[in-house]
Amino acid sequence: MPNATDTYLVYAGTDDVLECIVAIRALVAQGVHNVARRECRYLLEQAVKFLYVDQQCPDINVAREQRIEFLKKEVPRSSIQPIFDVVPLLPSEEVREFREEVKGRWSSLSGIVHPSKEQIDERAARARRGAFSGFETVKDLTTMNNQLASVYDCLGVMWLTAVGPSIAGDLILELDQKEWIFHKSKWLQKLSRQYDYKLERQTRTQKSEKGIDPES
């Protein structure tokens, strides 16, 4: 859909997103966790603000340049407040909690973006226990992994929301298999359950209950 990828900010930012994800994986592997967390914060902020702009300007005839101007003039630079106007593909009773969680994760990650006492203390504590970059403990790695999983869970909901309910349904039915890492995650699972009515899912479930390979 070149007209969409050239217009909607969420789609136009795909290469930027992929660069961040590749960088995060490499940084975590090398023990550079705080820099990876900064990239996560950027991804959250980008997803929220781009999705907000695209939902405020849903008409595909609103050119990318106009959206960028809207982003510049109408979206706060040092805040993620637009999350409270974003409408995710979630049950209505879950929307408020989702918004609060995205805001909370962004805020917690903000503590390592700017020089702060917390960041210095955290670095000193790691040094005292010998957990220099590349020498993290299992606990350090588990904590980082859990943070990444939670951030990506929220991002997945916003990215799927951006493609619209129809395409999101097709995608989530393909993705949501037992081997998918987000099969039982908090938010993507809730989004996926929105599509239980889909014939493909019902057929797959019926086959599984009968002991038949769902893909056969």
N, C-alpha and C. Protein backbone atom coordinates (compact mmCIF):
# COMPACT_ATOMS: atom_id res chain seq x y z
N MET A 1 0.85 -1.20 0.00
CA MET A 1 0.00 0.00 0.00
C MET A 1 0.88 1.26 0.00
N PRO A 2 1.52 1.56 -1.13
CA PRO A 2 2.46 2.69 -1.16
C PRO A 2 1.82 4.01 -0.78
N ASN A 3 0.53 4.19 -1.11
CA ASN A 3 -0.10 5.46 -0.75
C ASN A 3 -0.22 5.59 0.77
N ALA A 4 -0.41 4.47 1.46
CA ALA A 4 -0.49 4.51 2.93
C ALA A 4 0.88 4.68 3.56
N THR A 5 1.87 3.94 3.05
CA THR A 5 3.21 4.02 3.64
C THR A 5 3.85 5.38 3.39
N ASP A 6 3.40 6.05 2.35
CA ASP A 6 3.92 7.39 2.07
C ASP A 6 3.13 8.48 2.79
N THR A 7 2.06 8.10 3.47
CA THR A 7 1.17 9.09 4.07
C THR A 7 1.12 8.99 5.59
N TYR A 8 0.69 7.84 6.10
CA TYR A 8 0.53 7.68 7.54
C TYR A 8 1.89 7.64 8.25
N LEU A 9 2.02 8.38 9.34
CA LEU A 9 3.31 8.48 10.02
C LEU A 9 3.76 7.17 10.62
N VAL A 10 2.81 6.36 11.14
CA VAL A 10 3.21 5.07 11.72
C VAL A 10 3.90 4.21 10.68
N TYR A 11 3.35 4.16 9.47
CA TYR A 11 3.95 3.36 8.41
C TYR A 11 5.26 3.99 7.93
N ALA A 12 5.26 5.30 7.80
CA ALA A 12 6.46 6.00 7.31
C ALA A 12 7.64 5.81 8.26
N GLY A 13 7.35 5.53 9.53
CA GLY A 13 8.42 5.37 10.52
C GLY A 13 8.93 3.95 10.67
N THR A 14 8.52 3.04 9.78
CA THR A 14 8.87 1.63 9.92
C THR A 14 10.38 1.39 9.92
N ASP A 15 11.10 2.01 8.99
CA ASP A 15 12.55 1.80 8.94
C ASP A 15 13.22 2.26 10.23
N ASP A 16 12.75 3.37 10.76
CA ASP A 16 13.28 3.88 12.01
C ASP A 16 13.05 2.87 13.14
N VAL A 17 11.87 2.30 13.16
CA VAL A 17 11.53 1.29 14.17
C VAL A 17 12.44 0.07 14.05
N LEU A 18 12.62 -0.42 12.83
CA LEU A 18 13.47 -1.60 12.62
C LEU A 18 14.91 -1.33 13.05
N GLU A 19 15.41 -0.13 12.78
CA GLU A 19 16.75 0.22 13.21
C GLU A 19 16.87 0.16 14.72
N CYS A 20 15.86 0.67 15.42
CA CYS A 20 15.87 0.66 16.88
C CYS A 20 15.84 -0.77 17.42
N ILE A 21 15.00 -1.61 16.83
CA ILE A 21 14.88 -2.99 17.32
C ILE A 21 16.19 -3.76 17.11
N VAL A 22 16.80 -3.58 15.95
CA VAL A 22 18.09 -4.23 15.69
C VAL A 22 19.14 -3.72 16.68
N ALA A 23 19.14 -2.41 16.92
CA ALA A 23 20.10 -1.81 17.85
C ALA A 23 19.89 -2.34 19.26
N ILE A 24 18.63 -2.43 19.69
CA ILE A 24 18.33 -2.91 21.04
C ILE A 24 18.86 -4.33 21.24
N ARG A 25 18.62 -5.18 20.26
CA ARG A 25 19.09 -6.57 20.38
C ARG A 25 20.62 -6.62 20.50
N ALA A 26 21.30 -5.84 19.67
CA ALA A 26 22.76 -5.83 19.72
C ALA A 26 23.27 -5.24 21.04
N LEU A 27 22.63 -4.18 21.51
CA LEU A 27 23.05 -3.53 22.75
C LEU A 27 22.88 -4.45 23.95
N VAL A 28 21.73 -5.13 24.03
CA VAL A 28 21.50 -6.04 25.15
C VAL A 28 22.51 -7.17 25.13
N ALA A 29 22.82 -7.70 23.96
CA ALA A 29 23.78 -8.79 23.84
C ALA A 29 25.17 -8.38 24.33
N GLN A 30 25.48 -7.08 24.18
CA GLN A 30 26.78 -6.58 24.60
C GLN A 30 26.76 -6.02 26.03
N GLY A 31 25.62 -6.13 26.70
CA GLY A 31 25.53 -5.65 28.07
C GLY A 31 25.32 -4.16 28.21
N VAL A 32 24.95 -3.50 27.12
CA VAL A 32 24.75 -2.03 27.16
C VAL A 32 23.25 -1.78 27.36
N HIS A 33 22.78 -2.01 28.57
CA HIS A 33 21.35 -2.07 28.81
C HIS A 33 20.68 -0.70 28.88
N ASN A 34 21.32 0.29 29.49
CA ASN A 34 20.66 1.58 29.61
C ASN A 34 20.46 2.26 28.25
N VAL A 35 21.40 2.07 27.36
CA VAL A 35 21.23 2.63 26.01
C VAL A 35 20.08 1.93 25.31
N ALA A 36 19.95 0.63 25.53
CA ALA A 36 18.82 -0.12 24.96
C ALA A 36 17.50 0.41 25.53
N ARG A 37 17.49 0.74 26.81
CA ARG A 37 16.27 1.27 27.43
C ARG A 37 15.91 2.63 26.83
N ARG A 38 16.91 3.44 26.49
CA ARG A 38 16.63 4.73 25.87
C ARG A 38 15.97 4.54 24.50
N GLU A 39 16.42 3.52 23.79
CA GLU A 39 15.79 3.22 22.50
C GLU A 39 14.34 2.78 22.70
N CYS A 40 14.10 2.03 23.76
CA CYS A 40 12.72 1.60 24.06
C CYS A 40 11.83 2.80 24.34
N ARG A 41 12.35 3.73 25.09
CA ARG A 41 11.57 4.95 25.39
C ARG A 41 11.23 5.69 24.10
N TYR A 42 12.20 5.79 23.21
CA TYR A 42 11.96 6.47 21.94
C TYR A 42 10.89 5.75 21.13
N LEU A 43 10.95 4.42 21.10
CA LEU A 43 9.96 3.64 20.36
C LEU A 43 8.56 3.87 20.90
N LEU A 44 8.42 3.88 22.23
CA LEU A 44 7.12 4.14 22.84
C LEU A 44 6.61 5.52 22.46
N GLU A 45 7.47 6.51 22.58
CA GLU A 45 7.05 7.89 22.28
C GLU A 45 6.69 8.03 20.81
N GLN A 46 7.49 7.44 19.94
CA GLN A 46 7.21 7.53 18.51
C GLN A 46 5.87 6.89 18.17
N ALA A 47 5.65 5.67 18.70
CA ALA A 47 4.40 4.96 18.40
C ALA A 47 3.19 5.74 18.87
N VAL A 48 3.25 6.27 20.08
CA VAL A 48 2.13 7.03 20.63
C VAL A 48 1.84 8.26 19.79
N LYS A 49 2.87 9.05 19.51
CA LYS A 49 2.66 10.32 18.83
C LYS A 49 2.28 10.15 17.37
N PHE A 50 2.90 9.18 16.70
CA PHE A 50 2.55 8.94 15.30
C PHE A 50 1.13 8.39 15.19
N LEU A 51 0.78 7.46 16.09
CA LEU A 51 -0.57 6.90 16.05
C LEU A 51 -1.60 7.98 16.38
N TYR A 52 -1.28 8.84 17.33
CA TYR A 52 -2.19 9.93 17.68
C TYR A 52 -2.44 10.84 16.47
N VAL A 53 -1.36 11.22 15.78
CA VAL A 53 -1.50 12.08 14.60
C VAL A 53 -2.35 11.39 13.54
N ASP A 54 -2.06 10.12 13.27
CA ASP A 54 -2.80 9.40 12.23
C ASP A 54 -4.27 9.21 12.60
N GLN A 55 -4.56 9.03 13.87
CA GLN A 55 -5.97 8.90 14.28
C GLN A 55 -6.68 10.25 14.26
N GLN A 56 -5.94 11.32 14.50
CA GLN A 56 -6.54 12.65 14.40
C GLN A 56 -6.73 13.08 12.96
N CYS A 57 -5.93 12.50 12.06
CA CYS A 57 -6.02 12.82 10.62
C CYS A 57 -6.22 11.51 9.85
N PRO A 58 -7.37 10.87 10.00
CA PRO A 58 -7.57 9.54 9.40
C PRO A 58 -7.68 9.53 7.88
N ASP A 59 -8.03 10.66 7.30
CA ASP A 59 -8.23 10.73 5.85
C ASP A 59 -6.88 10.57 5.14
N ILE A 60 -6.79 9.60 4.24
CA ILE A 60 -5.53 9.35 3.54
C ILE A 60 -5.13 10.53 2.65
N ASN A 61 -6.08 11.43 2.37
CA ASN A 61 -5.77 12.61 1.55
C ASN A 61 -5.02 13.68 2.33
N VAL A 62 -4.90 13.51 3.65
CA VAL A 62 -4.06 14.42 4.44
C VAL A 62 -2.62 13.99 4.24
N ALA A 63 -1.86 14.79 3.51
CA ALA A 63 -0.50 14.42 3.11
C ALA A 63 0.44 14.30 4.30
N ARG A 64 1.54 13.57 4.09
CA ARG A 64 2.51 13.39 5.16
C ARG A 64 3.04 14.72 5.67
N GLU A 65 3.26 15.66 4.75
CA GLU A 65 3.78 16.97 5.16
C GLU A 65 2.82 17.67 6.13
N GLN A 66 1.51 17.51 5.87
CA GLN A 66 0.50 18.11 6.76
C GLN A 66 0.51 17.41 8.12
N ARG A 67 0.71 16.10 8.12
CA ARG A 67 0.78 15.36 9.37
C ARG A 67 2.00 15.78 10.19
N ILE A 68 3.11 15.95 9.50
CA ILE A 68 4.33 16.39 10.18
C ILE A 68 4.13 17.77 10.79
N GLU A 69 3.44 18.65 10.07
CA GLU A 69 3.15 19.99 10.59
C GLU A 69 2.23 19.89 11.80
N PHE A 70 1.26 18.99 11.75
CA PHE A 70 0.36 18.76 12.89
C PHE A 70 1.17 18.26 14.09
N LEU A 71 2.09 17.33 13.84
CA LEU A 71 2.96 16.81 14.89
C LEU A 71 3.77 17.94 15.53
N LYS A 72 4.29 18.81 14.70
CA LYS A 72 5.12 19.91 15.18
C LYS A 72 4.33 20.91 16.01
N LYS A 73 3.11 21.24 15.57
CA LYS A 73 2.35 22.31 16.21
C LYS A 73 1.42 21.83 17.33
N GLU A 74 0.90 20.61 17.21
CA GLU A 74 -0.16 20.18 18.11
C GLU A 74 0.25 19.10 19.12
N VAL A 75 1.43 18.50 18.93
CA VAL A 75 1.84 17.40 19.82
C VAL A 75 2.99 17.86 20.71
N PRO A 76 2.85 17.75 22.03
CA PRO A 76 3.92 18.20 22.95
C PRO A 76 5.20 17.40 22.75
N ARG A 77 6.33 18.07 22.81
CA ARG A 77 7.60 17.41 22.55
C ARG A 77 8.12 16.66 23.77
N SER A 78 7.89 17.17 24.96
CA SER A 78 8.48 16.58 26.16
C SER A 78 7.46 15.84 27.01
N SER A 79 6.43 15.33 26.37
CA SER A 79 5.36 14.64 27.10
C SER A 79 4.79 13.54 26.23
N ILE A 80 4.21 12.53 26.87
CA ILE A 80 3.53 11.46 26.15
C ILE A 80 2.03 11.53 26.40
N GLN A 81 1.57 12.73 26.73
CA GLN A 81 0.16 12.95 27.06
C GLN A 81 -0.81 12.50 25.96
N PRO A 82 -0.43 12.55 24.68
CA PRO A 82 -1.37 12.09 23.64
C PRO A 82 -1.83 10.65 23.80
N ILE A 83 -1.14 9.85 24.62
CA ILE A 83 -1.58 8.47 24.82
C ILE A 83 -3.01 8.42 25.32
N PHE A 84 -3.45 9.46 26.04
CA PHE A 84 -4.79 9.45 26.61
C PHE A 84 -5.87 9.80 25.59
N ASP A 85 -5.45 10.09 24.36
CA ASP A 85 -6.40 10.30 23.26
C ASP A 85 -6.27 9.24 22.18
N VAL A 86 -5.30 8.35 22.34
CA VAL A 86 -5.14 7.24 21.40
C VAL A 86 -6.19 6.18 21.70
N VAL A 87 -6.78 5.61 20.65
CA VAL A 87 -7.81 4.58 20.82
C VAL A 87 -7.26 3.25 20.31
N PRO A 88 -6.80 2.38 21.22
CA PRO A 88 -6.22 1.10 20.79
C PRO A 88 -7.30 0.06 20.48
N LEU A 89 -6.91 -0.97 19.74
CA LEU A 89 -7.83 -2.07 19.41
C LEU A 89 -7.92 -3.02 20.60
N LEU A 90 -8.55 -2.55 21.67
CA LEU A 90 -8.71 -3.33 22.88
C LEU A 90 -10.15 -3.20 23.36
N PRO A 91 -10.62 -4.13 24.20
CA PRO A 91 -11.95 -3.94 24.79
C PRO A 91 -12.03 -2.60 25.51
N SER A 92 -13.16 -1.94 25.42
CA SER A 92 -13.29 -0.59 25.97
C SER A 92 -12.93 -0.52 27.44
N GLU A 93 -13.22 -1.59 28.18
CA GLU A 93 -12.93 -1.57 29.62
C GLU A 93 -11.44 -1.71 29.92
N GLU A 94 -10.63 -2.04 28.89
CA GLU A 94 -9.19 -2.21 29.09
C GLU A 94 -8.40 -0.98 28.64
N VAL A 95 -9.04 -0.05 27.95
CA VAL A 95 -8.33 1.06 27.32
C VAL A 95 -7.62 1.94 28.34
N ARG A 96 -8.32 2.30 29.40
CA ARG A 96 -7.73 3.19 30.40
C ARG A 96 -6.47 2.58 31.01
N GLU A 97 -6.53 1.30 31.38
CA GLU A 97 -5.38 0.64 31.98
C GLU A 97 -4.21 0.59 31.00
N PHE A 98 -4.52 0.32 29.72
CA PHE A 98 -3.45 0.28 28.71
C PHE A 98 -2.77 1.64 28.61
N ARG A 99 -3.56 2.68 28.54
CA ARG A 99 -2.98 4.03 28.45
C ARG A 99 -2.10 4.34 29.65
N GLU A 100 -2.58 3.97 30.82
CA GLU A 100 -1.81 4.23 32.05
C GLU A 100 -0.51 3.44 32.05
N GLU A 101 -0.56 2.21 31.56
CA GLU A 101 0.66 1.39 31.54
C GLU A 101 1.69 1.96 30.57
N VAL A 102 1.24 2.37 29.39
CA VAL A 102 2.18 2.97 28.43
C VAL A 102 2.81 4.22 29.03
N LYS A 103 1.99 5.06 29.66
CA LYS A 103 2.52 6.27 30.28
C LYS A 103 3.52 5.91 31.39
N GLY A 104 3.18 4.91 32.20
CA GLY A 104 4.06 4.51 33.29
C GLY A 104 5.38 3.96 32.80
N ARG A 105 5.36 3.16 31.75
CA ARG A 105 6.60 2.59 31.23
C ARG A 105 7.47 3.67 30.60
N TRP A 106 6.85 4.59 29.91
CA TRP A 106 7.60 5.71 29.32
C TRP A 106 8.24 6.54 30.43
N SER A 107 7.49 6.81 31.48
CA SER A 107 8.00 7.63 32.59
C SER A 107 9.17 6.94 33.30
N SER A 108 9.05 5.63 33.52
CA SER A 108 10.13 4.92 34.20
C SER A 108 11.39 4.89 33.35
N LEU A 109 11.23 4.76 32.03
CA LEU A 109 12.38 4.77 31.13
C LEU A 109 12.99 6.16 31.01
N SER A 110 12.21 7.19 31.30
CA SER A 110 12.72 8.56 31.22
C SER A 110 13.81 8.82 32.26
N GLY A 111 13.81 8.01 33.32
CA GLY A 111 14.80 8.20 34.37
C GLY A 111 16.22 7.93 33.93
N ILE A 112 16.40 7.24 32.80
CA ILE A 112 17.76 6.97 32.33
C ILE A 112 18.07 7.71 31.03
N VAL A 113 17.19 8.61 30.63
CA VAL A 113 17.43 9.42 29.42
C VAL A 113 18.26 10.65 29.76
N HIS A 114 17.94 11.28 30.89
CA HIS A 114 18.65 12.48 31.30
C HIS A 114 19.56 12.16 32.49
N PRO A 115 20.67 12.88 32.65
CA PRO A 115 21.53 12.65 33.81
C PRO A 115 20.72 12.79 35.10
N SER A 116 20.84 11.80 35.97
CA SER A 116 20.05 11.83 37.19
C SER A 116 20.76 11.07 38.31
N LYS A 117 20.37 11.36 39.53
CA LYS A 117 20.91 10.66 40.70
C LYS A 117 20.60 9.17 40.62
N GLU A 118 19.37 8.84 40.18
CA GLU A 118 18.97 7.44 40.10
C GLU A 118 19.87 6.65 39.15
N GLN A 119 20.20 7.28 38.02
CA GLN A 119 21.05 6.60 37.04
C GLN A 119 22.46 6.39 37.58
N ILE A 120 22.99 7.41 38.26
CA ILE A 120 24.33 7.29 38.85
C ILE A 120 24.35 6.23 39.94
N ASP A 121 23.34 6.24 40.79
CA ASP A 121 23.27 5.25 41.87
C ASP A 121 23.15 3.83 41.32
N GLU A 122 22.35 3.68 40.25
CA GLU A 122 22.18 2.36 39.65
C GLU A 122 23.49 1.85 39.08
N ARG A 123 24.22 2.73 38.41
CA ARG A 123 25.52 2.35 37.83
C ARG A 123 26.51 1.99 38.92
N ALA A 124 26.53 2.77 40.01
CA ALA A 124 27.45 2.49 41.12
C ALA A 124 27.13 1.16 41.79
N ALA A 125 25.83 0.88 41.95
CA ALA A 125 25.42 -0.38 42.58
C ALA A 125 25.86 -1.57 41.73
N ARG A 126 25.75 -1.44 40.40
CA ARG A 126 26.18 -2.52 39.52
C ARG A 126 27.69 -2.72 39.61
N ALA A 127 28.42 -1.62 39.69
CA ALA A 127 29.88 -1.71 39.78
C ALA A 127 30.31 -2.41 41.08
N ARG A 128 29.61 -2.10 42.18
CA ARG A 128 29.97 -2.70 43.47
C ARG A 128 29.79 -4.22 43.48
N ARG A 129 28.83 -4.71 42.72
CA ARG A 129 28.64 -6.17 42.68
C ARG A 129 29.32 -6.81 41.46
N GLY A 130 30.13 -6.02 40.75
CA GLY A 130 30.92 -6.56 39.64
C GLY A 130 30.14 -6.76 38.36
N ALA A 131 28.97 -6.14 38.26
CA ALA A 131 28.13 -6.32 37.07
C ALA A 131 28.41 -5.22 36.05
N PHE A 132 29.66 -5.14 35.60
CA PHE A 132 30.01 -4.19 34.56
C PHE A 132 29.42 -4.67 33.23
N SER A 133 29.44 -3.80 32.21
CA SER A 133 28.87 -4.18 30.91
C SER A 133 29.51 -5.47 30.42
N GLY A 134 28.65 -6.44 30.10
CA GLY A 134 29.14 -7.73 29.66
C GLY A 134 29.28 -8.74 30.78
N PHE A 135 29.10 -8.30 32.02
CA PHE A 135 29.21 -9.19 33.18
C PHE A 135 27.94 -9.12 34.03
N GLU A 136 26.80 -9.00 33.37
CA GLU A 136 25.54 -8.90 34.08
C GLU A 136 25.20 -10.22 34.75
N THR A 137 24.44 -10.13 35.83
CA THR A 137 23.96 -11.32 36.50
C THR A 137 22.71 -11.84 35.80
N VAL A 138 22.30 -13.04 36.16
CA VAL A 138 21.05 -13.59 35.62
C VAL A 138 19.88 -12.66 35.96
N LYS A 139 19.90 -12.10 37.17
CA LYS A 139 18.83 -11.19 37.58
C LYS A 139 18.80 -9.95 36.68
N ASP A 140 19.98 -9.40 36.37
CA ASP A 140 20.05 -8.23 35.48
C ASP A 140 19.45 -8.55 34.11
N LEU A 141 19.82 -9.70 33.58
CA LEU A 141 19.34 -10.08 32.25
C LEU A 141 17.84 -10.36 32.27
N THR A 142 17.37 -10.99 33.33
CA THR A 142 15.94 -11.27 33.44
C THR A 142 15.14 -9.98 33.53
N THR A 143 15.63 -9.03 34.32
CA THR A 143 14.96 -7.73 34.45
C THR A 143 14.89 -7.02 33.10
N MET A 144 16.00 -7.02 32.36
CA MET A 144 16.03 -6.37 31.06
C MET A 144 15.08 -7.06 30.09
N ASN A 145 15.08 -8.37 30.11
CA ASN A 145 14.21 -9.14 29.22
C ASN A 145 12.74 -8.87 29.51
N ASN A 146 12.39 -8.80 30.79
CA ASN A 146 11.00 -8.53 31.16
C ASN A 146 10.57 -7.12 30.74
N GLN A 147 11.49 -6.16 30.89
CA GLN A 147 11.17 -4.79 30.45
C GLN A 147 10.94 -4.74 28.96
N LEU A 148 11.81 -5.40 28.20
CA LEU A 148 11.66 -5.42 26.74
C LEU A 148 10.34 -6.06 26.34
N ALA A 149 10.02 -7.19 26.97
CA ALA A 149 8.78 -7.90 26.63
C ALA A 149 7.56 -7.03 26.88
N SER A 150 7.57 -6.28 27.99
CA SER A 150 6.44 -5.43 28.33
C SER A 150 6.31 -4.26 27.35
N VAL A 151 7.44 -3.66 27.00
CA VAL A 151 7.42 -2.55 26.05
C VAL A 151 6.96 -3.02 24.68
N TYR A 152 7.50 -4.15 24.21
CA TYR A 152 7.13 -4.65 22.89
C TYR A 152 5.67 -5.08 22.85
N ASP A 153 5.16 -5.56 23.98
CA ASP A 153 3.74 -5.93 24.06
C ASP A 153 2.87 -4.70 23.80
N CYS A 154 3.20 -3.58 24.45
CA CYS A 154 2.45 -2.33 24.24
C CYS A 154 2.62 -1.82 22.81
N LEU A 155 3.85 -1.89 22.31
CA LEU A 155 4.11 -1.42 20.95
C LEU A 155 3.33 -2.25 19.93
N GLY A 156 3.28 -3.56 20.16
CA GLY A 156 2.55 -4.43 19.23
C GLY A 156 1.10 -4.03 19.10
N VAL A 157 0.48 -3.67 20.22
CA VAL A 157 -0.92 -3.24 20.18
C VAL A 157 -1.05 -1.97 19.34
N MET A 158 -0.14 -1.02 19.54
CA MET A 158 -0.24 0.25 18.81
C MET A 158 0.05 0.07 17.32
N TRP A 159 1.02 -0.77 17.00
CA TRP A 159 1.33 -1.01 15.58
C TRP A 159 0.17 -1.72 14.88
N LEU A 160 -0.45 -2.69 15.55
CA LEU A 160 -1.60 -3.37 14.95
C LEU A 160 -2.80 -2.44 14.88
N THR A 161 -2.97 -1.59 15.87
CA THR A 161 -4.05 -0.61 15.83
C THR A 161 -3.90 0.28 14.59
N ALA A 162 -2.67 0.62 14.27
CA ALA A 162 -2.41 1.53 13.16
C ALA A 162 -2.86 0.96 11.81
N VAL A 163 -2.82 -0.37 11.65
CA VAL A 163 -3.20 -0.93 10.35
C VAL A 163 -4.71 -1.07 10.21
N GLY A 164 -5.44 -0.86 11.30
CA GLY A 164 -6.89 -0.94 11.24
C GLY A 164 -7.39 -2.31 11.65
N PRO A 165 -8.66 -2.40 12.09
CA PRO A 165 -9.20 -3.63 12.66
C PRO A 165 -9.20 -4.82 11.72
N SER A 166 -9.46 -4.62 10.44
CA SER A 166 -9.56 -5.74 9.50
C SER A 166 -8.20 -6.40 9.29
N ILE A 167 -7.20 -5.60 8.91
CA ILE A 167 -5.86 -6.16 8.66
C ILE A 167 -5.25 -6.65 9.97
N ALA A 168 -5.50 -5.94 11.05
CA ALA A 168 -4.98 -6.37 12.36
C ALA A 168 -5.50 -7.76 12.70
N GLY A 169 -6.78 -8.01 12.39
CA GLY A 169 -7.35 -9.33 12.64
C GLY A 169 -6.67 -10.42 11.84
N ASP A 170 -6.40 -10.14 10.56
CA ASP A 170 -5.72 -11.12 9.72
C ASP A 170 -4.31 -11.41 10.25
N LEU A 171 -3.62 -10.34 10.64
CA LEU A 171 -2.25 -10.50 11.12
C LEU A 171 -2.19 -11.25 12.44
N ILE A 172 -3.06 -10.89 13.38
CA ILE A 172 -2.98 -11.48 14.71
C ILE A 172 -3.34 -12.97 14.67
N LEU A 173 -4.23 -13.36 13.75
CA LEU A 173 -4.57 -14.77 13.64
C LEU A 173 -3.39 -15.58 13.11
N GLU A 174 -2.57 -14.96 12.27
CA GLU A 174 -1.37 -15.63 11.77
C GLU A 174 -0.28 -15.68 12.84
N LEU A 175 -0.16 -14.61 13.59
CA LEU A 175 0.91 -14.51 14.58
C LEU A 175 0.64 -15.33 15.83
N ASP A 176 -0.61 -15.30 16.28
CA ASP A 176 -0.94 -15.83 17.61
C ASP A 176 -1.01 -17.36 17.61
N GLN A 177 0.16 -17.97 17.57
CA GLN A 177 0.31 -19.43 17.68
C GLN A 177 1.05 -19.74 18.98
N LYS A 178 1.03 -21.00 19.39
CA LYS A 178 1.64 -21.37 20.67
C LYS A 178 3.12 -21.03 20.73
N GLU A 179 3.80 -21.09 19.58
CA GLU A 179 5.24 -20.83 19.59
C GLU A 179 5.57 -19.34 19.57
N TRP A 180 4.57 -18.48 19.37
CA TRP A 180 4.80 -17.04 19.32
C TRP A 180 5.12 -16.56 20.73
N ILE A 181 6.17 -15.77 20.86
CA ILE A 181 6.64 -15.35 22.18
C ILE A 181 5.60 -14.51 22.92
N PHE A 182 4.71 -13.85 22.16
CA PHE A 182 3.69 -13.00 22.79
C PHE A 182 2.33 -13.70 22.89
N HIS A 183 2.34 -15.03 22.74
CA HIS A 183 1.09 -15.79 22.75
C HIS A 183 0.30 -15.57 24.03
N LYS A 184 1.00 -15.41 25.15
CA LYS A 184 0.32 -15.22 26.44
C LYS A 184 0.68 -13.89 27.08
N SER A 185 1.09 -12.92 26.29
CA SER A 185 1.43 -11.62 26.85
C SER A 185 0.17 -10.89 27.30
N LYS A 186 0.34 -9.83 28.04
CA LYS A 186 -0.81 -9.16 28.65
C LYS A 186 -1.72 -8.50 27.62
N TRP A 187 -1.16 -7.62 26.78
CA TRP A 187 -2.00 -6.79 25.92
C TRP A 187 -2.27 -7.39 24.55
N LEU A 188 -1.27 -7.98 23.93
CA LEU A 188 -1.51 -8.58 22.62
C LEU A 188 -2.49 -9.75 22.72
N GLN A 189 -2.47 -10.45 23.85
CA GLN A 189 -3.44 -11.53 24.05
C GLN A 189 -4.86 -10.96 24.11
N LYS A 190 -5.01 -9.81 24.80
CA LYS A 190 -6.33 -9.18 24.89
C LYS A 190 -6.80 -8.71 23.51
N LEU A 191 -5.87 -8.16 22.73
CA LEU A 191 -6.22 -7.74 21.37
C LEU A 191 -6.62 -8.96 20.55
N SER A 192 -5.86 -10.03 20.68
CA SER A 192 -6.13 -11.24 19.90
C SER A 192 -7.52 -11.80 20.21
N ARG A 193 -7.90 -11.77 21.47
CA ARG A 193 -9.20 -12.33 21.87
C ARG A 193 -10.37 -11.56 21.26
N GLN A 194 -10.11 -10.35 20.77
CA GLN A 194 -11.14 -9.59 20.09
C GLN A 194 -11.61 -10.29 18.80
N TYR A 195 -10.76 -11.20 18.31
CA TYR A 195 -11.05 -11.85 17.03
C TYR A 195 -11.42 -13.32 17.19
N ASP A 196 -11.95 -13.68 18.34
CA ASP A 196 -12.38 -15.06 18.55
C ASP A 196 -13.52 -15.47 17.62
N TYR A 197 -14.24 -14.47 17.11
CA TYR A 197 -15.38 -14.78 16.23
C TYR A 197 -14.92 -15.20 14.83
N LYS A 198 -13.66 -15.00 14.50
CA LYS A 198 -13.18 -15.29 13.15
C LYS A 198 -13.32 -16.78 12.83
N LEU A 199 -13.81 -17.07 11.64
CA LEU A 199 -14.03 -18.45 11.22
C LEU A 199 -12.71 -19.23 11.23
N GLU A 200 -11.62 -18.60 10.78
CA GLU A 200 -10.33 -19.28 10.75
C GLU A 200 -9.93 -19.76 12.14
N ARG A 201 -10.16 -18.89 13.15
CA ARG A 201 -9.79 -19.26 14.51
C ARG A 201 -10.69 -20.38 15.03
N GLN A 202 -11.98 -20.29 14.76
CA GLN A 202 -12.90 -21.31 15.23
C GLN A 202 -12.58 -22.67 14.61
N THR A 203 -12.25 -22.66 13.32
CA THR A 203 -11.91 -23.90 12.63
C THR A 203 -10.63 -24.49 13.21
N ARG A 204 -9.65 -23.63 13.47
CA ARG A 204 -8.39 -24.09 14.04
C ARG A 204 -8.60 -24.68 15.43
N THR A 205 -9.44 -24.03 16.22
CA THR A 205 -9.73 -24.52 17.58
C THR A 205 -10.43 -25.86 17.54
N GLN A 206 -11.41 -26.01 16.64
CA GLN A 206 -12.15 -27.26 16.52
C GLN A 206 -11.23 -28.41 16.12
N LYS A 207 -10.30 -28.14 15.19
CA LYS A 207 -9.35 -29.16 14.77
C LYS A 207 -8.44 -29.56 15.93
N SER A 208 -7.99 -28.56 16.68
CA SER A 208 -7.10 -28.83 17.80
C SER A 208 -7.79 -29.69 18.85
N GLU A 209 -9.06 -29.39 19.11
CA GLU A 209 -9.81 -30.15 20.11
C GLU A 209 -10.01 -31.60 19.67
N LYS A 210 -10.02 -31.84 18.36
CA LYS A 210 -10.21 -33.19 17.83
C LYS A 210 -8.88 -33.90 17.62
N GLY A 211 -7.76 -33.23 17.99
CA GLY A 211 -6.46 -33.84 17.83
C GLY A 211 -5.91 -33.79 16.42
N ILE A 212 -6.50 -32.91 15.60
CA ILE A 212 -6.05 -32.75 14.21
C ILE A 212 -5.10 -31.57 14.13
N ASP A 213 -4.05 -31.69 13.31
CA ASP A 213 -3.13 -30.58 13.12
C ASP A 213 -3.91 -29.40 12.55
N PRO A 214 -3.96 -28.23 13.25
CA PRO A 214 -4.74 -27.08 12.79
C PRO A 214 -4.31 -26.58 11.42
N GLU A 215 -3.06 -26.87 11.02
CA GLU A 215 -2.57 -26.36 9.74
C GLU A 215 -2.89 -27.32 8.59
N SER A 216 -3.44 -28.48 8.90
CA SER A 216 -3.71 -29.47 7.84
C SER A 216 -5.01 -29.13 7.12
